[in-house]
Amino acid sequence: MLTLEIQIGGNFYQALTKLKHAWDMWSSIPVLVTTEEYEEEARQLLEGSFHEIRDIIRIINWKKIQRLFELEKEMAGLKDEIGM
């Protein structure tokens, strides 16, 4: 199970707290979606207070999520076109 938190600014401590809590409670894989601008700030927090999830958390740039959506949309269109 994944737990997603989208954070493009603001309080990263709070976002990581939510993800850590979900990991503690349900052993879910924490996923932080953010911008390249804030990736470093998130990684710095993972070196300190949130070191327990440092090796588990996935930090994903929002552009990758957008690209995934575009590819899935394109794939659905191709499937319709060929009758799958």
PDB file of N, CA and C in Angstrom:
ATOM      1  N   MET A   1       0.848  -1.177   0.000  1.00  0.00           N
ATOM      2  CA  MET A   1       0.000   0.000   0.000  1.00  0.00           C
ATOM      3  C   MET A   1       0.892   1.238   0.000  1.00  0.00           C
ATOM      4  N   LEU A   2       0.491   2.213  -0.791  1.00  0.00           N
ATOM      5  CA  LEU A   2       1.197   3.486  -0.851  1.00  0.00           C
ATOM      6  C   LEU A   2       0.406   4.554  -0.107  1.00  0.00           C
ATOM      7  N   THR A   3       1.116   5.475   0.514  1.00  0.00           N
ATOM      8  CA  THR A   3       0.504   6.664   1.088  1.00  0.00           C
ATOM      9  C   THR A   3       1.126   7.855   0.397  1.00  0.00           C
ATOM     10  N   LEU A   4       0.310   8.633  -0.294  1.00  0.00           N
ATOM     11  CA  LEU A   4       0.787   9.793  -1.046  1.00  0.00           C
ATOM     12  C   LEU A   4       0.558  11.077  -0.279  1.00  0.00           C
ATOM     13  N   GLU A   5       1.532  11.943  -0.348  1.00  0.00           N
ATOM     14  CA  GLU A   5       1.402  13.296   0.189  1.00  0.00           C
ATOM     15  C   GLU A   5       1.943  14.223  -0.893  1.00  0.00           C
ATOM     16  N   ILE A   6       1.129  15.172  -1.312  1.00  0.00           N
ATOM     17  CA  ILE A   6       1.554  16.130  -2.333  1.00  0.00           C
ATOM     18  C   ILE A   6       1.899  17.426  -1.631  1.00  0.00           C
ATOM     19  N   GLN A   7       3.144  17.863  -1.823  1.00  0.00           N
ATOM     20  CA  GLN A   7       3.629  19.059  -1.132  1.00  0.00           C
ATOM     21  C   GLN A   7       4.462  19.865  -2.120  1.00  0.00           C
ATOM     22  N   ILE A   8       3.949  21.005  -2.547  1.00  0.00           N
ATOM     23  CA  ILE A   8       4.690  21.838  -3.482  1.00  0.00           C
ATOM     24  C   ILE A   8       5.182  23.136  -2.836  1.00  0.00           C
ATOM     25  N   GLY A   9       5.091  23.186  -1.551  1.00  0.00           N
ATOM     26  CA  GLY A   9       5.558  24.329  -0.779  1.00  0.00           C
ATOM     27  C   GLY A   9       5.005  24.227   0.627  1.00  0.00           C
ATOM     28  N   GLY A  10       5.392  25.132   1.450  1.00  0.00           N
ATOM     29  CA  GLY A  10       4.837  25.140   2.786  1.00  0.00           C
ATOM     30  C   GLY A  10       5.585  24.274   3.778  1.00  0.00           C
ATOM     31  N   ASN A  11       4.843  23.577   4.612  1.00  0.00           N
ATOM     32  CA  ASN A  11       5.396  22.875   5.753  1.00  0.00           C
ATOM     33  C   ASN A  11       5.735  21.415   5.433  1.00  0.00           C
ATOM     34  N   PHE A  12       6.987  21.170   5.043  1.00  0.00           N
ATOM     35  CA  PHE A  12       7.416  19.812   4.730  1.00  0.00           C
ATOM     36  C   PHE A  12       7.495  18.950   5.977  1.00  0.00           C
ATOM     37  N   TYR A  13       7.758  19.540   7.096  1.00  0.00           N
ATOM     38  CA  TYR A  13       7.805  18.781   8.346  1.00  0.00           C
ATOM     39  C   TYR A  13       6.457  18.119   8.592  1.00  0.00           C
ATOM     40  N   GLN A  14       5.395  18.871   8.399  1.00  0.00           N
ATOM     41  CA  GLN A  14       4.050  18.335   8.596  1.00  0.00           C
ATOM     42  C   GLN A  14       3.749  17.232   7.571  1.00  0.00           C
ATOM     43  N   ALA A  15       4.143  17.427   6.332  1.00  0.00           N
ATOM     44  CA  ALA A  15       3.910  16.418   5.295  1.00  0.00           C
ATOM     45  C   ALA A  15       4.638  15.124   5.639  1.00  0.00           C
ATOM     46  N   LEU A  16       5.899  15.235   6.055  1.00  0.00           N
ATOM     47  CA  LEU A  16       6.662  14.042   6.413  1.00  0.00           C
ATOM     48  C   LEU A  16       6.128  13.388   7.679  1.00  0.00           C
ATOM     49  N   THR A  17       5.591  14.188   8.582  1.00  0.00           N
ATOM     50  CA  THR A  17       4.965  13.636   9.791  1.00  0.00           C
ATOM     51  C   THR A  17       3.784  12.753   9.414  1.00  0.00           C
ATOM     52  N   LYS A  18       2.964  13.213   8.494  1.00  0.00           N
ATOM     53  CA  LYS A  18       1.813  12.418   8.046  1.00  0.00           C
ATOM     54  C   LYS A  18       2.281  11.113   7.405  1.00  0.00           C
ATOM     55  N   LEU A  19       3.304  11.195   6.573  1.00  0.00           N
ATOM     56  CA  LEU A  19       3.805   9.995   5.908  1.00  0.00           C
ATOM     57  C   LEU A  19       4.421   9.021   6.906  1.00  0.00           C
ATOM     58  N   LYS A  20       5.152   9.535   7.867  1.00  0.00           N
ATOM     59  CA  LYS A  20       5.767   8.671   8.882  1.00  0.00           C
ATOM     60  C   LYS A  20       4.690   8.000   9.723  1.00  0.00           C
ATOM     61  N   HIS A  21       3.661   8.745  10.057  1.00  0.00           N
ATOM     62  CA  HIS A  21       2.558   8.192  10.846  1.00  0.00           C
ATOM     63  C   HIS A  21       1.884   7.040  10.084  1.00  0.00           C
ATOM     64  N   ALA A  22       1.628   7.233   8.801  1.00  0.00           N
ATOM     65  CA  ALA A  22       1.010   6.174   7.997  1.00  0.00           C
ATOM     66  C   ALA A  22       1.927   4.951   7.928  1.00  0.00           C
ATOM     67  N   TRP A  23       3.221   5.168   7.826  1.00  0.00           N
ATOM     68  CA  TRP A  23       4.180   4.061   7.803  1.00  0.00           C
ATOM     69  C   TRP A  23       4.171   3.317   9.143  1.00  0.00           C
ATOM     70  N   ASP A  24       4.163   4.086  10.236  1.00  0.00           N
ATOM     71  CA  ASP A  24       4.120   3.478  11.577  1.00  0.00           C
ATOM     72  C   ASP A  24       2.841   2.659  11.784  1.00  0.00           C
ATOM     73  N   MET A  25       1.711   3.194  11.364  1.00  0.00           N
ATOM     74  CA  MET A  25       0.416   2.565  11.622  1.00  0.00           C
ATOM     75  C   MET A  25       0.138   1.383  10.694  1.00  0.00           C
ATOM     76  N   TRP A  26       0.431   1.536   9.406  1.00  0.00           N
ATOM     77  CA  TRP A  26      -0.010   0.551   8.424  1.00  0.00           C
ATOM     78  C   TRP A  26       1.129  -0.052   7.591  1.00  0.00           C
ATOM     79  N   SER A  27       2.350   0.307   7.895  1.00  0.00           N
ATOM     80  CA  SER A  27       3.506  -0.153   7.112  1.00  0.00           C
ATOM     81  C   SER A  27       3.359   0.172   5.633  1.00  0.00           C
ATOM     82  N   SER A  28       2.698   1.287   5.348  1.00  0.00           N
ATOM     83  CA  SER A  28       2.521   1.698   3.957  1.00  0.00           C
ATOM     84  C   SER A  28       3.803   2.367   3.453  1.00  0.00           C
ATOM     85  N   ILE A  29       4.001   2.336   2.166  1.00  0.00           N
ATOM     86  CA  ILE A  29       5.178   2.964   1.567  1.00  0.00           C
ATOM     87  C   ILE A  29       4.895   4.452   1.397  1.00  0.00           C
ATOM     88  N   PRO A  30       5.687   5.304   2.049  1.00  0.00           N
ATOM     89  CA  PRO A  30       5.451   6.744   1.945  1.00  0.00           C
ATOM     90  C   PRO A  30       5.958   7.298   0.613  1.00  0.00           C
ATOM     91  N   VAL A  31       5.116   8.124  -0.025  1.00  0.00           N
ATOM     92  CA  VAL A  31       5.463   8.741  -1.299  1.00  0.00           C
ATOM     93  C   VAL A  31       5.204  10.241  -1.181  1.00  0.00           C
ATOM     94  N   LEU A  32       6.247  11.022  -1.392  1.00  0.00           N
ATOM     95  CA  LEU A  32       6.133  12.475  -1.362  1.00  0.00           C
ATOM     96  C   LEU A  32       6.244  12.991  -2.786  1.00  0.00           C
ATOM     97  N   VAL A  33       5.199  13.653  -3.258  1.00  0.00           N
ATOM     98  CA  VAL A  33       5.196  14.262  -4.580  1.00  0.00           C
ATOM     99  C   VAL A  33       5.473  15.745  -4.386  1.00  0.00           C
ATOM    100  N   THR A  34       6.509  16.244  -5.066  1.00  0.00           N
ATOM    101  CA  THR A  34       6.910  17.631  -4.865  1.00  0.00           C
ATOM    102  C   THR A  34       7.584  18.175  -6.120  1.00  0.00           C
ATOM    103  N   THR A  35       8.140  19.358  -6.020  1.00  0.00           N
ATOM    104  CA  THR A  35       8.854  19.991  -7.132  1.00  0.00           C
ATOM    105  C   THR A  35      10.354  19.835  -6.927  1.00  0.00           C
ATOM    106  N   GLU A  36      11.108  20.020  -8.000  1.00  0.00           N
ATOM    107  CA  GLU A  36      12.563  19.928  -7.869  1.00  0.00           C
ATOM    108  C   GLU A  36      13.093  20.986  -6.898  1.00  0.00           C
ATOM    109  N   GLU A  37      12.405  22.080  -6.808  1.00  0.00           N
ATOM    110  CA  GLU A  37      12.803  23.159  -5.903  1.00  0.00           C
ATOM    111  C   GLU A  37      12.800  22.705  -4.441  1.00  0.00           C
ATOM    112  N   TYR A  38      11.852  21.838  -4.085  1.00  0.00           N
ATOM    113  CA  TYR A  38      11.686  21.443  -2.688  1.00  0.00           C
ATOM    114  C   TYR A  38      12.232  20.052  -2.362  1.00  0.00           C
ATOM    115  N   GLU A  39      12.714  19.340  -3.368  1.00  0.00           N
ATOM    116  CA  GLU A  39      13.249  18.000  -3.116  1.00  0.00           C
ATOM    117  C   GLU A  39      14.387  18.032  -2.095  1.00  0.00           C
ATOM    118  N   GLU A  40      15.274  18.995  -2.219  1.00  0.00           N
ATOM    119  CA  GLU A  40      16.421  19.073  -1.306  1.00  0.00           C
ATOM    120  C   GLU A  40      15.973  19.328   0.134  1.00  0.00           C
ATOM    121  N   GLU A  41      14.996  20.198   0.304  1.00  0.00           N
ATOM    122  CA  GLU A  41      14.484  20.467   1.654  1.00  0.00           C
ATOM    123  C   GLU A  41      13.924  19.191   2.277  1.00  0.00           C
ATOM    124  N   ALA A  42      13.190  18.428   1.485  1.00  0.00           N
ATOM    125  CA  ALA A  42      12.632  17.172   1.985  1.00  0.00           C
ATOM    126  C   ALA A  42      13.746  16.196   2.345  1.00  0.00           C
ATOM    127  N   ARG A  43      14.761  16.099   1.511  1.00  0.00           N
ATOM    128  CA  ARG A  43      15.875  15.176   1.775  1.00  0.00           C
ATOM    129  C   ARG A  43      16.644  15.575   3.041  1.00  0.00           C
ATOM    130  N   GLN A  44      16.778  16.852   3.291  1.00  0.00           N
ATOM    131  CA  GLN A  44      17.455  17.314   4.505  1.00  0.00           C
ATOM    132  C   GLN A  44      16.681  16.885   5.740  1.00  0.00           C
ATOM    133  N   LEU A  45      15.368  17.003   5.705  1.00  0.00           N
ATOM    134  CA  LEU A  45      14.551  16.565   6.838  1.00  0.00           C
ATOM    135  C   LEU A  45      14.655  15.050   7.039  1.00  0.00           C
ATOM    136  N   LEU A  46      14.824  14.316   5.958  1.00  0.00           N
ATOM    137  CA  LEU A  46      14.953  12.862   6.056  1.00  0.00           C
ATOM    138  C   LEU A  46      16.280  12.438   6.661  1.00  0.00           C
ATOM    139  N   GLU A  47      17.255  13.302   6.652  1.00  0.00           N
ATOM    140  CA  GLU A  47      18.546  13.004   7.280  1.00  0.00           C
ATOM    141  C   GLU A  47      18.480  13.182   8.798  1.00  0.00           C
ATOM    142  N   GLY A  48      17.495  13.924   9.273  1.00  0.00           N
ATOM    143  CA  GLY A  48      17.383  14.185  10.707  1.00  0.00           C
ATOM    144  C   GLY A  48      16.190  13.501  11.327  1.00  0.00           C
ATOM    145  N   SER A  49      15.163  14.270  11.556  1.00  0.00           N
ATOM    146  CA  SER A  49      13.989  13.807  12.305  1.00  0.00           C
ATOM    147  C   SER A  49      13.303  12.595  11.697  1.00  0.00           C
ATOM    148  N   PHE A  50      13.397  12.407  10.407  1.00  0.00           N
ATOM    149  CA  PHE A  50      12.657  11.343   9.739  1.00  0.00           C
ATOM    150  C   PHE A  50      13.576  10.273   9.165  1.00  0.00           C
ATOM    151  N   HIS A  51      14.701  10.062   9.840  1.00  0.00           N
ATOM    152  CA  HIS A  51      15.678   9.095   9.335  1.00  0.00           C
ATOM    153  C   HIS A  51      15.121   7.666   9.256  1.00  0.00           C
ATOM    154  N   GLU A  52      14.090   7.372  10.034  1.00  0.00           N
ATOM    155  CA  GLU A  52      13.514   6.019  10.018  1.00  0.00           C
ATOM    156  C   GLU A  52      12.907   5.667   8.658  1.00  0.00           C
ATOM    157  N   ILE A  53      12.413   6.658   7.928  1.00  0.00           N
ATOM    158  CA  ILE A  53      11.788   6.388   6.632  1.00  0.00           C
ATOM    159  C   ILE A  53      12.681   6.799   5.462  1.00  0.00           C
ATOM    160  N   ARG A  54      13.880   7.240   5.751  1.00  0.00           N
ATOM    161  CA  ARG A  54      14.793   7.740   4.709  1.00  0.00           C
ATOM    162  C   ARG A  54      15.004   6.722   3.587  1.00  0.00           C
ATOM    163  N   ASP A  55      15.157   5.453   3.924  1.00  0.00           N
ATOM    164  CA  ASP A  55      15.438   4.437   2.909  1.00  0.00           C
ATOM    165  C   ASP A  55      14.176   3.828   2.305  1.00  0.00           C
ATOM    166  N   ILE A  56      13.018   4.216   2.806  1.00  0.00           N
ATOM    167  CA  ILE A  56      11.753   3.652   2.351  1.00  0.00           C
ATOM    168  C   ILE A  56      10.970   4.633   1.484  1.00  0.00           C
ATOM    169  N   ILE A  57      11.032   5.907   1.852  1.00  0.00           N
ATOM    170  CA  ILE A  57      10.225   6.922   1.187  1.00  0.00           C
ATOM    171  C   ILE A  57      10.631   7.084  -0.273  1.00  0.00           C
ATOM    172  N   ARG A  58       9.659   7.392  -1.074  1.00  0.00           N
ATOM    173  CA  ARG A  58       9.890   7.718  -2.483  1.00  0.00           C
ATOM    174  C   ARG A  58       9.575   9.193  -2.667  1.00  0.00           C
ATOM    175  N   ILE A  59      10.536   9.934  -3.173  1.00  0.00           N
ATOM    176  CA  ILE A  59      10.320  11.350  -3.478  1.00  0.00           C
ATOM    177  C   ILE A  59      10.204  11.449  -4.989  1.00  0.00           C
ATOM    178  N   ILE A  60       9.055  11.909  -5.441  1.00  0.00           N
ATOM    179  CA  ILE A  60       8.759  11.933  -6.870  1.00  0.00           C
ATOM    180  C   ILE A  60       8.449  13.358  -7.308  1.00  0.00           C
ATOM    181  N   ASN A  61       9.076  13.751  -8.395  1.00  0.00           N
ATOM    182  CA  ASN A  61       8.812  15.059  -8.978  1.00  0.00           C
ATOM    183  C   ASN A  61       7.425  15.030  -9.623  1.00  0.00           C
ATOM    184  N   TRP A  62       6.660  16.078  -9.428  1.00  0.00           N
ATOM    185  CA  TRP A  62       5.293  16.141  -9.928  1.00  0.00           C
ATOM    186  C   TRP A  62       5.240  15.976 -11.443  1.00  0.00           C
ATOM    187  N   LYS A  63       6.317  16.341 -12.143  1.00  0.00           N
ATOM    188  CA  LYS A  63       6.336  16.215 -13.602  1.00  0.00           C
ATOM    189  C   LYS A  63       6.287  14.752 -14.031  1.00  0.00           C
ATOM    190  N   LYS A  64       6.828  13.856 -13.210  1.00  0.00           N
ATOM    191  CA  LYS A  64       6.767  12.432 -13.524  1.00  0.00           C
ATOM    192  C   LYS A  64       5.337  11.916 -13.404  1.00  0.00           C
ATOM    193  N   ILE A  65       4.596  12.425 -12.448  1.00  0.00           N
ATOM    194  CA  ILE A  65       3.189  12.042 -12.288  1.00  0.00           C
ATOM    195  C   ILE A  65       2.393  12.533 -13.491  1.00  0.00           C
ATOM    196  N   GLN A  66       2.668  13.759 -13.914  1.00  0.00           N
ATOM    197  CA  GLN A  66       1.993  14.314 -15.084  1.00  0.00           C
ATOM    198  C   GLN A  66       2.313  13.485 -16.329  1.00  0.00           C
ATOM    199  N   ARG A  67       3.561  13.105 -16.492  1.00  0.00           N
ATOM    200  CA  ARG A  67       3.976  12.292 -17.642  1.00  0.00           C
ATOM    201  C   ARG A  67       3.287  10.923 -17.615  1.00  0.00           C
ATOM    202  N   LEU A  68       3.208  10.312 -16.435  1.00  0.00           N
ATOM    203  CA  LEU A  68       2.524   9.030 -16.294  1.00  0.00           C
ATOM    204  C   LEU A  68       1.065   9.145 -16.730  1.00  0.00           C
ATOM    205  N   PHE A  69       0.400  10.205 -16.314  1.00  0.00           N
ATOM    206  CA  PHE A  69      -0.996  10.431 -16.689  1.00  0.00           C
ATOM    207  C   PHE A  69      -1.116  10.553 -18.212  1.00  0.00           C
ATOM    208  N   GLU A  70      -0.209  11.323 -18.824  1.00  0.00           N
ATOM    209  CA  GLU A  70      -0.248  11.516 -20.275  1.00  0.00           C
ATOM    210  C   GLU A  70      -0.032  10.193 -21.016  1.00  0.00           C
ATOM    211  N   LEU A  71       0.916   9.386 -20.543  1.00  0.00           N
ATOM    212  CA  LEU A  71       1.176   8.094 -21.184  1.00  0.00           C
ATOM    213  C   LEU A  71      -0.007   7.145 -21.046  1.00  0.00           C
ATOM    214  N   GLU A  72      -0.632   7.125 -19.871  1.00  0.00           N
ATOM    215  CA  GLU A  72      -1.791   6.256 -19.671  1.00  0.00           C
ATOM    216  C   GLU A  72      -2.966   6.691 -20.549  1.00  0.00           C
ATOM    217  N   LYS A  73      -3.126   7.998 -20.702  1.00  0.00           N
ATOM    218  CA  LYS A  73      -4.180   8.526 -21.562  1.00  0.00           C
ATOM    219  C   LYS A  73      -3.907   8.135 -23.025  1.00  0.00           C
ATOM    220  N   GLU A  74      -2.664   8.259 -23.443  1.00  0.00           N
ATOM    221  CA  GLU A  74      -2.283   7.881 -24.801  1.00  0.00           C
ATOM    222  C   GLU A  74      -2.496   6.380 -25.020  1.00  0.00           C
ATOM    223  N   MET A  75      -2.111   5.583 -24.040  1.00  0.00           N
ATOM    224  CA  MET A  75      -2.277   4.141 -24.140  1.00  0.00           C
ATOM    225  C   MET A  75      -3.754   3.761 -24.245  1.00  0.00           C
ATOM    226  N   ALA A  76      -4.608   4.410 -23.476  1.00  0.00           N
ATOM    227  CA  ALA A  76      -6.045   4.130 -23.538  1.00  0.00           C
ATOM    228  C   ALA A  76      -6.591   4.469 -24.922  1.00  0.00           C
ATOM    229  N   GLY A  77      -6.124   5.575 -25.490  1.00  0.00           N
ATOM    230  CA  GLY A  77      -6.559   5.959 -26.836  1.00  0.00           C
ATOM    231  C   GLY A  77      -6.113   4.939 -27.868  1.00  0.00           C
ATOM    232  N   LEU A  78      -4.896   4.446 -27.764  1.00  0.00           N
ATOM    233  CA  LEU A  78      -4.415   3.431 -28.701  1.00  0.00           C
ATOM    234  C   LEU A  78      -5.186   2.133 -28.563  1.00  0.00           C
ATOM    235  N   LYS A  79      -5.504   1.755 -27.335  1.00  0.00           N
ATOM    236  CA  LYS A  79      -6.292   0.537 -27.116  1.00  0.00           C
ATOM    237  C   LYS A  79      -7.667   0.670 -27.755  1.00  0.00           C
ATOM    238  N   ASP A  80      -8.297   1.827 -27.617  1.00  0.00           N
ATOM    239  CA  ASP A  80      -9.592   2.060 -28.243  1.00  0.00           C
ATOM    240  C   ASP A  80      -9.473   1.987 -29.761  1.00  0.00           C
ATOM    241  N   GLU A  81      -8.428   2.577 -30.280  1.00  0.00           N
ATOM    242  CA  GLU A  81      -8.216   2.624 -31.727  1.00  0.00           C
ATOM    243  C   GLU A  81      -8.064   1.230 -32.333  1.00  0.00           C
ATOM    244  N   ILE A  82      -7.392   0.322 -31.626  1.00  0.00           N
ATOM    245  CA  ILE A  82      -7.190  -1.008 -32.185  1.00  0.00           C
ATOM    246  C   ILE A  82      -8.205  -2.028 -31.649  1.00  0.00           C
ATOM    247  N   GLY A  83      -9.124  -1.563 -30.839  1.00  0.00           N
ATOM    248  CA  GLY A  83     -10.210  -2.418 -30.374  1.00  0.00           C
ATOM    249  C   GLY A  83      -9.863  -3.360 -29.234  1.00  0.00           C
ATOM    250  N   MET A  84      -9.007  -2.932 -28.368  1.00  0.00           N
ATOM    251  CA  MET A  84      -8.644  -3.772 -27.216  1.00  0.00           C
ATOM    252  C   MET A  84      -9.434  -3.385 -25.992  1.00  0.00           C
TER     253      MET A  84
END
